[in-house]
Amino acid sequence: MQRRFLILAASFTVLAATAPTLRAEPVAPDAFVRQVSTDVIDAVKSDKAIQAGDVNRIRTLVDAKVMPYVNFQRMTASSVGPQWRSATPDQQKRMLVEFQTLMVNTYSGALTQVKDQAVVVKPLRAGAADSGELVVRTEVRGKGDPIQLDYRLEKAGDGWKIYDVNVGGFWVVEAYRGQFAKDLSAGGMDALITRLAEKNKSLAAAPKS
């Protein structure tokens, strides 16, 4: 599980390093993924604060550079499931904050372990680039067996946004939906938000390896 977190963290963090370039002109979905993926190692290696597990530095990168390229509300809503629609605006706002914090806290430790991985983008299916939503499939190669890393993208103007990621055969949204369902069944949205807040405090206080 930690290995999957490592690759996912690296894939999101590289968006921060390449975001200004991506705004320059429209790009094809596979080119978008290739562009943000090929710089991942340099992005991590060049930031000593990230290598040291500095959560504040990672959060700054996420807020300023990553979030513009992720439909995080869709990702959160899909992870929560049907109860998202019945949640109050305040509950939705708090859930977005805690879910984003959870991801940052969870992946910050994994970033310190990014070393020599490289990402190979696989060819798109014929006609896929013309659709409003598609999956771009990649493979992360380094020491050990290659790891599957796929992105679900949606069309956003002239560009693309990520709304789900498949790491080693596990879609992030589906994985979180299963985890969240227990708290939602037990106490509803407030119970889920409370549990995430407690987990975030625990993760933030834990020493980074």
N, C-alpha and C. Protein backbone atom coordinates (compact mmCIF):
# COMPACT_ATOMS: atom_id res chain seq x y z
N MET A 1 0.82 -1.20 0.00
CA MET A 1 0.00 0.00 0.00
C MET A 1 0.86 1.26 0.00
N GLN A 2 1.94 1.22 0.81
CA GLN A 2 2.84 2.36 0.85
C GLN A 2 3.44 2.65 -0.52
N ARG A 3 3.75 1.60 -1.28
CA ARG A 3 4.34 1.78 -2.60
C ARG A 3 3.35 2.47 -3.54
N ARG A 4 2.07 2.11 -3.43
CA ARG A 4 1.06 2.77 -4.26
C ARG A 4 0.95 4.23 -3.89
N PHE A 5 0.98 4.54 -2.58
CA PHE A 5 0.92 5.92 -2.13
C PHE A 5 2.11 6.71 -2.68
N LEU A 6 3.29 6.08 -2.70
CA LEU A 6 4.50 6.74 -3.19
C LEU A 6 4.31 7.19 -4.63
N ILE A 7 3.85 6.28 -5.47
CA ILE A 7 3.70 6.60 -6.88
C ILE A 7 2.63 7.65 -7.09
N LEU A 8 1.51 7.55 -6.37
CA LEU A 8 0.45 8.52 -6.52
C LEU A 8 0.91 9.89 -6.07
N ALA A 9 1.62 9.94 -4.97
CA ALA A 9 2.13 11.22 -4.47
C ALA A 9 3.05 11.86 -5.49
N ALA A 10 3.92 11.06 -6.06
CA ALA A 10 4.84 11.58 -7.05
C ALA A 10 4.11 12.10 -8.27
N SER A 11 3.07 11.41 -8.68
CA SER A 11 2.34 11.82 -9.87
C SER A 11 1.64 13.15 -9.66
N PHE A 12 1.09 13.39 -8.46
CA PHE A 12 0.44 14.65 -8.17
C PHE A 12 1.46 15.77 -8.00
N THR A 13 2.57 15.48 -7.35
CA THR A 13 3.55 16.52 -7.07
C THR A 13 4.19 17.06 -8.34
N VAL A 14 4.39 16.22 -9.32
CA VAL A 14 5.01 16.70 -10.56
C VAL A 14 4.11 17.69 -11.28
N LEU A 15 2.82 17.65 -11.05
CA LEU A 15 1.93 18.65 -11.62
C LEU A 15 2.36 20.04 -11.18
N ALA A 16 2.79 20.16 -9.94
CA ALA A 16 3.21 21.45 -9.42
C ALA A 16 4.41 22.00 -10.17
N ALA A 17 5.33 21.13 -10.54
CA ALA A 17 6.54 21.58 -11.20
C ALA A 17 6.30 22.01 -12.64
N THR A 18 5.27 21.46 -13.28
CA THR A 18 5.07 21.71 -14.70
C THR A 18 3.85 22.56 -15.00
N ALA A 19 3.11 23.00 -13.99
CA ALA A 19 1.84 23.70 -14.20
C ALA A 19 1.96 24.92 -15.10
N PRO A 20 2.96 25.82 -14.95
CA PRO A 20 3.02 26.99 -15.83
C PRO A 20 3.12 26.62 -17.30
N THR A 21 3.85 25.55 -17.62
CA THR A 21 3.99 25.11 -19.01
C THR A 21 2.66 24.64 -19.57
N LEU A 22 1.88 23.94 -18.73
CA LEU A 22 0.63 23.36 -19.22
C LEU A 22 -0.39 24.43 -19.59
N ARG A 23 -0.26 25.63 -19.04
CA ARG A 23 -1.22 26.69 -19.33
C ARG A 23 -0.95 27.36 -20.68
N ALA A 24 0.22 27.09 -21.27
CA ALA A 24 0.63 27.84 -22.45
C ALA A 24 -0.24 27.54 -23.66
N GLU A 25 -0.64 26.30 -23.89
CA GLU A 25 -1.40 25.94 -25.07
C GLU A 25 -2.12 24.61 -24.81
N PRO A 26 -3.18 24.34 -25.61
CA PRO A 26 -3.89 23.07 -25.44
C PRO A 26 -2.97 21.88 -25.70
N VAL A 27 -3.19 20.81 -24.95
CA VAL A 27 -2.39 19.60 -25.14
C VAL A 27 -3.30 18.40 -25.23
N ALA A 28 -2.84 17.38 -25.95
CA ALA A 28 -3.56 16.12 -26.03
C ALA A 28 -3.47 15.42 -24.68
N PRO A 29 -4.44 14.55 -24.36
CA PRO A 29 -4.45 13.93 -23.03
C PRO A 29 -3.21 13.11 -22.73
N ASP A 30 -2.72 12.35 -23.71
CA ASP A 30 -1.51 11.57 -23.44
C ASP A 30 -0.28 12.46 -23.32
N ALA A 31 -0.26 13.57 -24.08
CA ALA A 31 0.84 14.52 -23.97
C ALA A 31 0.81 15.21 -22.61
N PHE A 32 -0.39 15.52 -22.13
CA PHE A 32 -0.56 16.12 -20.81
C PHE A 32 0.05 15.21 -19.73
N VAL A 33 -0.33 13.94 -19.76
CA VAL A 33 0.17 13.00 -18.77
C VAL A 33 1.67 12.78 -18.94
N ARG A 34 2.12 12.68 -20.18
CA ARG A 34 3.56 12.48 -20.42
C ARG A 34 4.36 13.66 -19.90
N GLN A 35 3.84 14.86 -20.12
CA GLN A 35 4.56 16.06 -19.72
C GLN A 35 4.70 16.14 -18.21
N VAL A 36 3.61 15.84 -17.51
CA VAL A 36 3.68 15.96 -16.05
C VAL A 36 4.42 14.79 -15.42
N SER A 37 4.50 13.68 -16.13
CA SER A 37 5.11 12.49 -15.56
C SER A 37 6.62 12.44 -15.74
N THR A 38 7.11 12.89 -16.88
CA THR A 38 8.54 12.72 -17.17
C THR A 38 9.42 13.56 -16.25
N ASP A 39 8.88 14.62 -15.67
CA ASP A 39 9.68 15.48 -14.79
C ASP A 39 9.57 15.11 -13.31
N VAL A 40 8.90 14.01 -12.98
CA VAL A 40 8.61 13.73 -11.59
C VAL A 40 9.87 13.57 -10.74
N ILE A 41 10.85 12.86 -11.22
CA ILE A 41 12.04 12.63 -10.42
C ILE A 41 12.78 13.93 -10.15
N ASP A 42 12.97 14.75 -11.20
CA ASP A 42 13.66 16.02 -11.03
C ASP A 42 12.90 16.95 -10.08
N ALA A 43 11.54 16.91 -10.17
CA ALA A 43 10.74 17.78 -9.32
C ALA A 43 10.95 17.45 -7.85
N VAL A 44 10.98 16.17 -7.54
CA VAL A 44 11.16 15.76 -6.14
C VAL A 44 12.60 16.01 -5.69
N LYS A 45 13.56 15.65 -6.53
CA LYS A 45 14.95 15.79 -6.14
C LYS A 45 15.37 17.24 -5.96
N SER A 46 14.73 18.15 -6.68
CA SER A 46 15.13 19.55 -6.60
C SER A 46 14.54 20.28 -5.41
N ASP A 47 13.61 19.64 -4.71
CA ASP A 47 12.97 20.28 -3.56
C ASP A 47 13.36 19.55 -2.29
N LYS A 48 14.33 20.09 -1.58
CA LYS A 48 14.84 19.43 -0.38
C LYS A 48 13.79 19.40 0.73
N ALA A 49 12.88 20.38 0.74
CA ALA A 49 11.84 20.39 1.77
C ALA A 49 10.89 19.22 1.59
N ILE A 50 10.55 18.91 0.34
CA ILE A 50 9.70 17.77 0.06
C ILE A 50 10.42 16.48 0.43
N GLN A 51 11.69 16.39 0.09
CA GLN A 51 12.48 15.20 0.42
C GLN A 51 12.51 14.98 1.93
N ALA A 52 12.47 16.06 2.68
CA ALA A 52 12.49 15.96 4.15
C ALA A 52 11.10 15.72 4.73
N GLY A 53 10.08 15.65 3.89
CA GLY A 53 8.72 15.39 4.37
C GLY A 53 8.03 16.60 4.94
N ASP A 54 8.39 17.80 4.46
CA ASP A 54 7.79 19.05 4.96
C ASP A 54 6.36 19.16 4.45
N VAL A 55 5.40 18.89 5.34
CA VAL A 55 3.99 18.89 4.94
C VAL A 55 3.54 20.28 4.51
N ASN A 56 4.03 21.33 5.17
CA ASN A 56 3.64 22.68 4.79
C ASN A 56 4.10 23.01 3.38
N ARG A 57 5.29 22.57 3.02
CA ARG A 57 5.78 22.80 1.67
C ARG A 57 4.94 22.03 0.65
N ILE A 58 4.61 20.81 0.98
CA ILE A 58 3.79 20.00 0.08
C ILE A 58 2.41 20.62 -0.08
N ARG A 59 1.84 21.11 1.03
CA ARG A 59 0.52 21.73 0.95
C ARG A 59 0.56 22.99 0.09
N THR A 60 1.63 23.77 0.21
CA THR A 60 1.77 24.97 -0.61
C THR A 60 1.78 24.62 -2.09
N LEU A 61 2.52 23.56 -2.44
CA LEU A 61 2.57 23.11 -3.82
C LEU A 61 1.20 22.63 -4.31
N VAL A 62 0.53 21.87 -3.46
CA VAL A 62 -0.79 21.34 -3.83
C VAL A 62 -1.78 22.47 -4.06
N ASP A 63 -1.84 23.43 -3.12
CA ASP A 63 -2.80 24.51 -3.22
C ASP A 63 -2.55 25.40 -4.43
N ALA A 64 -1.26 25.67 -4.70
CA ALA A 64 -0.93 26.63 -5.76
C ALA A 64 -0.87 26.01 -7.14
N LYS A 65 -0.45 24.75 -7.23
CA LYS A 65 -0.12 24.19 -8.54
C LYS A 65 -0.87 22.92 -8.90
N VAL A 66 -1.17 22.08 -7.92
CA VAL A 66 -1.80 20.80 -8.24
C VAL A 66 -3.31 20.93 -8.43
N MET A 67 -3.96 21.63 -7.48
CA MET A 67 -5.42 21.68 -7.51
C MET A 67 -6.02 22.22 -8.80
N PRO A 68 -5.38 23.17 -9.49
CA PRO A 68 -5.95 23.63 -10.76
C PRO A 68 -6.08 22.52 -11.81
N TYR A 69 -5.38 21.41 -11.64
CA TYR A 69 -5.40 20.34 -12.63
C TYR A 69 -6.09 19.08 -12.11
N VAL A 70 -6.75 19.19 -10.98
CA VAL A 70 -7.52 18.08 -10.42
C VAL A 70 -8.92 18.58 -10.12
N ASN A 71 -9.93 17.85 -10.59
CA ASN A 71 -11.31 18.16 -10.20
C ASN A 71 -11.53 17.53 -8.83
N PHE A 72 -11.08 18.21 -7.80
CA PHE A 72 -11.08 17.61 -6.48
C PHE A 72 -12.48 17.50 -5.90
N GLN A 73 -13.37 18.39 -6.28
CA GLN A 73 -14.75 18.27 -5.80
C GLN A 73 -15.39 17.00 -6.36
N ARG A 74 -15.16 16.72 -7.62
CA ARG A 74 -15.71 15.50 -8.21
C ARG A 74 -15.09 14.28 -7.54
N MET A 75 -13.77 14.31 -7.32
CA MET A 75 -13.09 13.20 -6.67
C MET A 75 -13.65 12.96 -5.27
N THR A 76 -13.86 14.04 -4.52
CA THR A 76 -14.40 13.91 -3.17
C THR A 76 -15.84 13.42 -3.18
N ALA A 77 -16.66 14.02 -4.03
CA ALA A 77 -18.06 13.62 -4.11
C ALA A 77 -18.20 12.16 -4.49
N SER A 78 -17.39 11.71 -5.43
CA SER A 78 -17.45 10.31 -5.85
C SER A 78 -16.98 9.38 -4.75
N SER A 79 -16.01 9.82 -3.95
CA SER A 79 -15.52 9.00 -2.85
C SER A 79 -16.56 8.87 -1.75
N VAL A 80 -17.32 9.92 -1.52
CA VAL A 80 -18.37 9.89 -0.51
C VAL A 80 -19.56 9.06 -0.99
N GLY A 81 -19.93 9.22 -2.26
CA GLY A 81 -21.06 8.48 -2.80
C GLY A 81 -22.36 9.26 -2.69
N PRO A 82 -23.51 8.59 -2.68
CA PRO A 82 -24.82 9.25 -2.72
C PRO A 82 -25.05 10.27 -1.61
N GLN A 83 -24.45 10.08 -0.45
CA GLN A 83 -24.69 11.01 0.67
C GLN A 83 -24.10 12.39 0.41
N TRP A 84 -23.24 12.53 -0.58
CA TRP A 84 -22.70 13.84 -0.91
C TRP A 84 -23.82 14.79 -1.32
N ARG A 85 -24.79 14.29 -2.07
CA ARG A 85 -25.86 15.14 -2.58
C ARG A 85 -26.76 15.66 -1.47
N SER A 86 -26.90 14.89 -0.40
CA SER A 86 -27.76 15.33 0.70
C SER A 86 -27.00 16.08 1.79
N ALA A 87 -25.70 16.19 1.65
CA ALA A 87 -24.90 16.92 2.63
C ALA A 87 -25.15 18.42 2.50
N THR A 88 -25.04 19.13 3.61
CA THR A 88 -25.19 20.58 3.59
C THR A 88 -23.95 21.21 2.96
N PRO A 89 -24.07 22.45 2.48
CA PRO A 89 -22.89 23.13 1.94
C PRO A 89 -21.73 23.18 2.93
N ASP A 90 -22.05 23.37 4.21
CA ASP A 90 -20.99 23.40 5.23
C ASP A 90 -20.31 22.04 5.36
N GLN A 91 -21.10 20.97 5.34
CA GLN A 91 -20.53 19.63 5.42
C GLN A 91 -19.65 19.35 4.20
N GLN A 92 -20.11 19.73 3.03
CA GLN A 92 -19.32 19.52 1.83
C GLN A 92 -18.00 20.28 1.90
N LYS A 93 -18.05 21.52 2.38
CA LYS A 93 -16.84 22.33 2.51
C LYS A 93 -15.84 21.69 3.47
N ARG A 94 -16.35 21.23 4.63
CA ARG A 94 -15.46 20.61 5.62
C ARG A 94 -14.90 19.29 5.11
N MET A 95 -15.72 18.55 4.36
CA MET A 95 -15.26 17.28 3.81
C MET A 95 -14.15 17.51 2.79
N LEU A 96 -14.29 18.52 1.94
CA LEU A 96 -13.26 18.84 0.97
C LEU A 96 -11.94 19.16 1.66
N VAL A 97 -12.01 19.93 2.73
CA VAL A 97 -10.80 20.32 3.47
C VAL A 97 -10.14 19.10 4.09
N GLU A 98 -10.93 18.26 4.77
CA GLU A 98 -10.35 17.11 5.46
C GLU A 98 -9.83 16.05 4.48
N PHE A 99 -10.51 15.87 3.36
CA PHE A 99 -10.06 14.87 2.38
C PHE A 99 -8.76 15.32 1.74
N GLN A 100 -8.66 16.60 1.40
CA GLN A 100 -7.42 17.09 0.83
C GLN A 100 -6.28 16.97 1.84
N THR A 101 -6.56 17.31 3.09
CA THR A 101 -5.55 17.20 4.14
C THR A 101 -5.11 15.75 4.32
N LEU A 102 -6.07 14.83 4.25
CA LEU A 102 -5.75 13.41 4.38
C LEU A 102 -4.77 12.98 3.30
N MET A 103 -5.02 13.39 2.07
CA MET A 103 -4.15 12.98 0.97
C MET A 103 -2.76 13.58 1.13
N VAL A 104 -2.68 14.85 1.51
CA VAL A 104 -1.38 15.49 1.68
C VAL A 104 -0.60 14.81 2.80
N ASN A 105 -1.26 14.59 3.94
CA ASN A 105 -0.58 13.97 5.09
C ASN A 105 -0.15 12.53 4.78
N THR A 106 -0.99 11.81 4.08
CA THR A 106 -0.69 10.41 3.77
C THR A 106 0.50 10.28 2.84
N TYR A 107 0.56 11.13 1.81
CA TYR A 107 1.56 10.97 0.78
C TYR A 107 2.87 11.71 1.07
N SER A 108 2.89 12.59 2.07
CA SER A 108 4.09 13.38 2.31
C SER A 108 5.28 12.49 2.68
N GLY A 109 5.06 11.47 3.49
CA GLY A 109 6.15 10.58 3.85
C GLY A 109 6.66 9.78 2.67
N ALA A 110 5.75 9.38 1.77
CA ALA A 110 6.16 8.58 0.61
C ALA A 110 7.05 9.37 -0.33
N LEU A 111 6.86 10.69 -0.39
CA LEU A 111 7.65 11.49 -1.32
C LEU A 111 9.14 11.44 -1.02
N THR A 112 9.49 11.23 0.23
CA THR A 112 10.91 11.20 0.60
C THR A 112 11.60 9.97 0.01
N GLN A 113 10.83 9.00 -0.48
CA GLN A 113 11.40 7.76 -0.98
C GLN A 113 11.46 7.69 -2.51
N VAL A 114 11.01 8.74 -3.19
CA VAL A 114 11.07 8.76 -4.64
C VAL A 114 12.53 8.87 -5.08
N LYS A 115 13.00 7.92 -5.90
CA LYS A 115 14.41 7.89 -6.28
C LYS A 115 14.60 7.86 -7.79
N ASP A 116 14.37 6.69 -8.39
CA ASP A 116 14.78 6.50 -9.79
C ASP A 116 13.64 6.06 -10.70
N GLN A 117 12.40 6.32 -10.31
CA GLN A 117 11.28 5.87 -11.14
C GLN A 117 11.19 6.66 -12.44
N ALA A 118 10.70 6.00 -13.48
CA ALA A 118 10.40 6.64 -14.76
C ALA A 118 9.01 6.19 -15.19
N VAL A 119 8.29 7.05 -15.90
CA VAL A 119 6.92 6.76 -16.30
C VAL A 119 6.84 6.62 -17.81
N VAL A 120 6.24 5.52 -18.27
CA VAL A 120 6.03 5.27 -19.69
C VAL A 120 4.54 5.40 -19.97
N VAL A 121 4.17 6.30 -20.89
CA VAL A 121 2.77 6.52 -21.25
C VAL A 121 2.40 5.59 -22.39
N LYS A 122 1.33 4.84 -22.20
CA LYS A 122 0.91 3.88 -23.22
C LYS A 122 0.03 4.57 -24.26
N PRO A 123 -0.01 4.03 -25.48
CA PRO A 123 -0.81 4.65 -26.55
C PRO A 123 -2.29 4.69 -26.20
N LEU A 124 -2.95 5.77 -26.61
CA LEU A 124 -4.39 5.88 -26.40
C LEU A 124 -5.14 4.98 -27.37
N ARG A 125 -6.33 4.59 -26.95
CA ARG A 125 -7.21 3.87 -27.88
C ARG A 125 -7.61 4.80 -29.01
N ALA A 126 -7.85 4.24 -30.17
CA ALA A 126 -8.23 5.05 -31.33
C ALA A 126 -9.48 5.87 -31.03
N GLY A 127 -9.41 7.16 -31.26
CA GLY A 127 -10.55 8.04 -31.04
C GLY A 127 -10.78 8.48 -29.61
N ALA A 128 -9.98 7.98 -28.68
CA ALA A 128 -10.20 8.30 -27.27
C ALA A 128 -10.02 9.79 -26.99
N ALA A 129 -9.05 10.42 -27.66
CA ALA A 129 -8.76 11.83 -27.41
C ALA A 129 -9.92 12.74 -27.79
N ASP A 130 -10.85 12.25 -28.60
CA ASP A 130 -11.98 13.06 -29.03
C ASP A 130 -13.13 13.02 -28.04
N SER A 131 -13.05 12.19 -27.02
CA SER A 131 -14.14 12.08 -26.06
C SER A 131 -13.94 13.05 -24.91
N GLY A 132 -15.01 13.31 -24.17
CA GLY A 132 -14.94 14.25 -23.04
C GLY A 132 -14.29 13.66 -21.81
N GLU A 133 -14.30 12.32 -21.71
CA GLU A 133 -13.66 11.63 -20.60
C GLU A 133 -12.91 10.42 -21.13
N LEU A 134 -11.77 10.12 -20.54
CA LEU A 134 -10.99 8.98 -21.00
C LEU A 134 -9.99 8.58 -19.93
N VAL A 135 -9.36 7.43 -20.17
CA VAL A 135 -8.32 6.93 -19.27
C VAL A 135 -6.99 6.94 -20.02
N VAL A 136 -5.99 7.56 -19.41
CA VAL A 136 -4.63 7.49 -19.94
C VAL A 136 -3.86 6.50 -19.07
N ARG A 137 -3.33 5.48 -19.71
CA ARG A 137 -2.66 4.40 -18.98
C ARG A 137 -1.14 4.60 -19.04
N THR A 138 -0.50 4.43 -17.91
CA THR A 138 0.95 4.53 -17.86
C THR A 138 1.50 3.40 -17.01
N GLU A 139 2.82 3.29 -17.05
CA GLU A 139 3.50 2.28 -16.25
C GLU A 139 4.72 2.93 -15.61
N VAL A 140 4.86 2.75 -14.30
CA VAL A 140 5.99 3.30 -13.57
C VAL A 140 7.07 2.23 -13.46
N ARG A 141 8.26 2.56 -13.97
CA ARG A 141 9.34 1.59 -13.98
C ARG A 141 10.53 2.09 -13.16
N GLY A 142 11.09 1.19 -12.42
CA GLY A 142 12.26 1.47 -11.60
C GLY A 142 12.78 0.15 -11.09
N LYS A 143 13.31 0.14 -9.89
CA LYS A 143 13.74 -1.11 -9.30
C LYS A 143 12.50 -1.93 -8.94
N GLY A 144 12.55 -3.23 -9.19
CA GLY A 144 11.40 -4.08 -8.91
C GLY A 144 10.44 -4.12 -10.07
N ASP A 145 9.29 -4.70 -9.81
CA ASP A 145 8.28 -4.85 -10.86
C ASP A 145 7.66 -3.51 -11.23
N PRO A 146 7.29 -3.32 -12.50
CA PRO A 146 6.60 -2.08 -12.90
C PRO A 146 5.25 -1.96 -12.21
N ILE A 147 4.81 -0.72 -12.03
CA ILE A 147 3.54 -0.45 -11.35
C ILE A 147 2.59 0.24 -12.31
N GLN A 148 1.37 -0.26 -12.38
CA GLN A 148 0.33 0.37 -13.20
C GLN A 148 -0.08 1.69 -12.58
N LEU A 149 -0.15 2.75 -13.40
CA LEU A 149 -0.60 4.06 -12.93
C LEU A 149 -1.44 4.68 -14.04
N ASP A 150 -2.76 4.69 -13.84
CA ASP A 150 -3.68 5.20 -14.86
C ASP A 150 -4.41 6.42 -14.33
N TYR A 151 -4.74 7.33 -15.25
CA TYR A 151 -5.44 8.56 -14.90
C TYR A 151 -6.80 8.62 -15.59
N ARG A 152 -7.84 8.93 -14.85
CA ARG A 152 -9.11 9.27 -15.46
C ARG A 152 -9.13 10.79 -15.65
N LEU A 153 -9.31 11.21 -16.90
CA LEU A 153 -9.30 12.63 -17.23
C LEU A 153 -10.65 13.05 -17.77
N GLU A 154 -10.99 14.32 -17.52
CA GLU A 154 -12.17 14.93 -18.12
C GLU A 154 -11.74 16.19 -18.86
N LYS A 155 -12.44 16.49 -19.93
CA LYS A 155 -12.14 17.68 -20.71
C LYS A 155 -12.47 18.92 -19.88
N ALA A 156 -11.55 19.89 -19.89
CA ALA A 156 -11.75 21.13 -19.15
C ALA A 156 -11.27 22.28 -20.03
N GLY A 157 -12.18 22.85 -20.82
CA GLY A 157 -11.79 23.88 -21.76
C GLY A 157 -10.87 23.30 -22.82
N ASP A 158 -9.69 23.92 -22.97
CA ASP A 158 -8.72 23.42 -23.93
C ASP A 158 -7.80 22.36 -23.33
N GLY A 159 -7.95 22.11 -22.04
CA GLY A 159 -7.06 21.17 -21.36
C GLY A 159 -7.81 20.02 -20.73
N TRP A 160 -7.22 19.47 -19.68
CA TRP A 160 -7.75 18.28 -19.03
C TRP A 160 -7.62 18.42 -17.52
N LYS A 161 -8.49 17.71 -16.82
CA LYS A 161 -8.38 17.62 -15.37
C LYS A 161 -8.45 16.16 -14.95
N ILE A 162 -7.71 15.85 -13.90
CA ILE A 162 -7.70 14.50 -13.34
C ILE A 162 -8.83 14.40 -12.31
N TYR A 163 -9.59 13.29 -12.35
CA TYR A 163 -10.60 13.11 -11.31
C TYR A 163 -10.52 11.73 -10.64
N ASP A 164 -9.57 10.92 -11.06
CA ASP A 164 -9.35 9.65 -10.38
C ASP A 164 -8.02 9.08 -10.86
N VAL A 165 -7.39 8.27 -10.03
CA VAL A 165 -6.10 7.67 -10.35
C VAL A 165 -6.13 6.20 -9.94
N ASN A 166 -5.62 5.35 -10.82
CA ASN A 166 -5.52 3.92 -10.56
C ASN A 166 -4.06 3.59 -10.27
N VAL A 167 -3.76 3.19 -9.06
CA VAL A 167 -2.39 2.88 -8.66
C VAL A 167 -2.28 1.38 -8.41
N GLY A 168 -1.56 0.70 -9.28
CA GLY A 168 -1.34 -0.73 -9.09
C GLY A 168 -2.61 -1.56 -9.11
N GLY A 169 -3.61 -1.11 -9.86
CA GLY A 169 -4.86 -1.86 -9.95
C GLY A 169 -5.96 -1.39 -9.01
N PHE A 170 -5.71 -0.35 -8.22
CA PHE A 170 -6.70 0.17 -7.27
C PHE A 170 -7.05 1.61 -7.61
N TRP A 171 -8.31 1.86 -8.00
CA TRP A 171 -8.76 3.23 -8.23
C TRP A 171 -8.94 3.93 -6.89
N VAL A 172 -8.37 5.10 -6.77
CA VAL A 172 -8.38 5.84 -5.50
C VAL A 172 -9.80 6.11 -5.02
N VAL A 173 -10.66 6.58 -5.91
CA VAL A 173 -12.03 6.92 -5.52
C VAL A 173 -12.76 5.70 -4.97
N GLU A 174 -12.64 4.59 -5.66
CA GLU A 174 -13.31 3.36 -5.22
C GLU A 174 -12.77 2.90 -3.87
N ALA A 175 -11.46 3.00 -3.69
CA ALA A 175 -10.86 2.57 -2.43
C ALA A 175 -11.35 3.42 -1.27
N TYR A 176 -11.39 4.72 -1.46
CA TYR A 176 -11.86 5.59 -0.38
C TYR A 176 -13.35 5.43 -0.15
N ARG A 177 -14.12 5.19 -1.21
CA ARG A 177 -15.57 5.02 -1.04
C ARG A 177 -15.86 3.85 -0.11
N GLY A 178 -15.09 2.77 -0.26
CA GLY A 178 -15.27 1.62 0.62
C GLY A 178 -14.92 1.95 2.06
N GLN A 179 -13.86 2.73 2.27
CA GLN A 179 -13.47 3.12 3.62
C GLN A 179 -14.50 4.06 4.25
N PHE A 180 -14.98 5.01 3.46
CA PHE A 180 -15.89 6.02 3.98
C PHE A 180 -17.27 5.46 4.28
N ALA A 181 -17.66 4.40 3.59
CA ALA A 181 -19.02 3.85 3.73
C ALA A 181 -19.32 3.43 5.17
N LYS A 182 -18.32 2.91 5.86
CA LYS A 182 -18.54 2.45 7.24
C LYS A 182 -18.92 3.59 8.16
N ASP A 183 -18.18 4.70 8.06
CA ASP A 183 -18.48 5.86 8.91
C ASP A 183 -19.80 6.51 8.52
N LEU A 184 -20.09 6.55 7.24
CA LEU A 184 -21.35 7.13 6.79
C LEU A 184 -22.54 6.31 7.29
N SER A 185 -22.39 5.00 7.28
CA SER A 185 -23.47 4.13 7.77
C SER A 185 -23.66 4.27 9.27
N ALA A 186 -22.55 4.47 9.98
CA ALA A 186 -22.62 4.54 11.44
C ALA A 186 -23.15 5.87 11.95
N GLY A 187 -22.73 6.98 11.30
CA GLY A 187 -23.12 8.28 11.86
C GLY A 187 -23.31 9.38 10.85
N GLY A 188 -23.33 9.05 9.57
CA GLY A 188 -23.56 10.06 8.57
C GLY A 188 -22.33 10.90 8.27
N MET A 189 -22.57 12.00 7.58
CA MET A 189 -21.49 12.84 7.09
C MET A 189 -20.64 13.42 8.23
N ASP A 190 -21.29 13.85 9.29
CA ASP A 190 -20.53 14.45 10.40
C ASP A 190 -19.58 13.43 11.02
N ALA A 191 -20.00 12.18 11.12
CA ALA A 191 -19.14 11.14 11.69
C ALA A 191 -17.92 10.92 10.80
N LEU A 192 -18.11 10.93 9.49
CA LEU A 192 -17.00 10.74 8.57
C LEU A 192 -16.01 11.90 8.68
N ILE A 193 -16.53 13.12 8.70
CA ILE A 193 -15.66 14.29 8.79
C ILE A 193 -14.87 14.28 10.09
N THR A 194 -15.53 13.91 11.18
CA THR A 194 -14.85 13.85 12.48
C THR A 194 -13.73 12.82 12.46
N ARG A 195 -14.00 11.66 11.89
CA ARG A 195 -12.98 10.61 11.84
C ARG A 195 -11.78 11.05 11.00
N LEU A 196 -12.06 11.71 9.86
CA LEU A 196 -10.97 12.17 9.01
C LEU A 196 -10.14 13.23 9.72
N ALA A 197 -10.80 14.13 10.44
CA ALA A 197 -10.08 15.17 11.18
C ALA A 197 -9.15 14.54 12.22
N GLU A 198 -9.65 13.51 12.92
CA GLU A 198 -8.83 12.84 13.92
C GLU A 198 -7.65 12.12 13.27
N LYS A 199 -7.91 11.48 12.13
CA LYS A 199 -6.83 10.78 11.42
C LYS A 199 -5.79 11.77 10.92
N ASN A 200 -6.23 12.92 10.44
CA ASN A 200 -5.30 13.93 9.96
C ASN A 200 -4.40 14.45 11.07
N LYS A 201 -4.96 14.64 12.25
CA LYS A 201 -4.15 15.08 13.38
C LYS A 201 -3.09 14.02 13.72
N SER A 202 -3.49 12.75 13.67
CA SER A 202 -2.57 11.68 13.96
C SER A 202 -1.45 11.59 12.94
N LEU A 203 -1.81 11.71 11.66
CA LEU A 203 -0.82 11.64 10.60
C LEU A 203 0.13 12.83 10.65
N ALA A 204 -0.41 14.01 10.95
CA ALA A 204 0.44 15.20 11.02
C ALA A 204 1.45 15.12 12.16
N ALA A 205 1.05 14.44 13.24
CA ALA A 205 1.93 14.34 14.41
C ALA A 205 2.94 13.21 14.28
N ALA A 206 2.71 12.27 13.37
CA ALA A 206 3.60 11.12 13.23
C ALA A 206 4.93 11.55 12.62
N PRO A 207 6.05 10.99 13.08
CA PRO A 207 7.36 11.32 12.51
C PRO A 207 7.46 10.82 11.08
N LYS A 208 8.11 11.61 10.22
CA LYS A 208 8.29 11.23 8.82
C LYS A 208 9.53 10.39 8.66
N SER A 209 9.40 9.27 7.93
CA SER A 209 10.55 8.39 7.73
C SER A 209 11.46 8.91 6.65
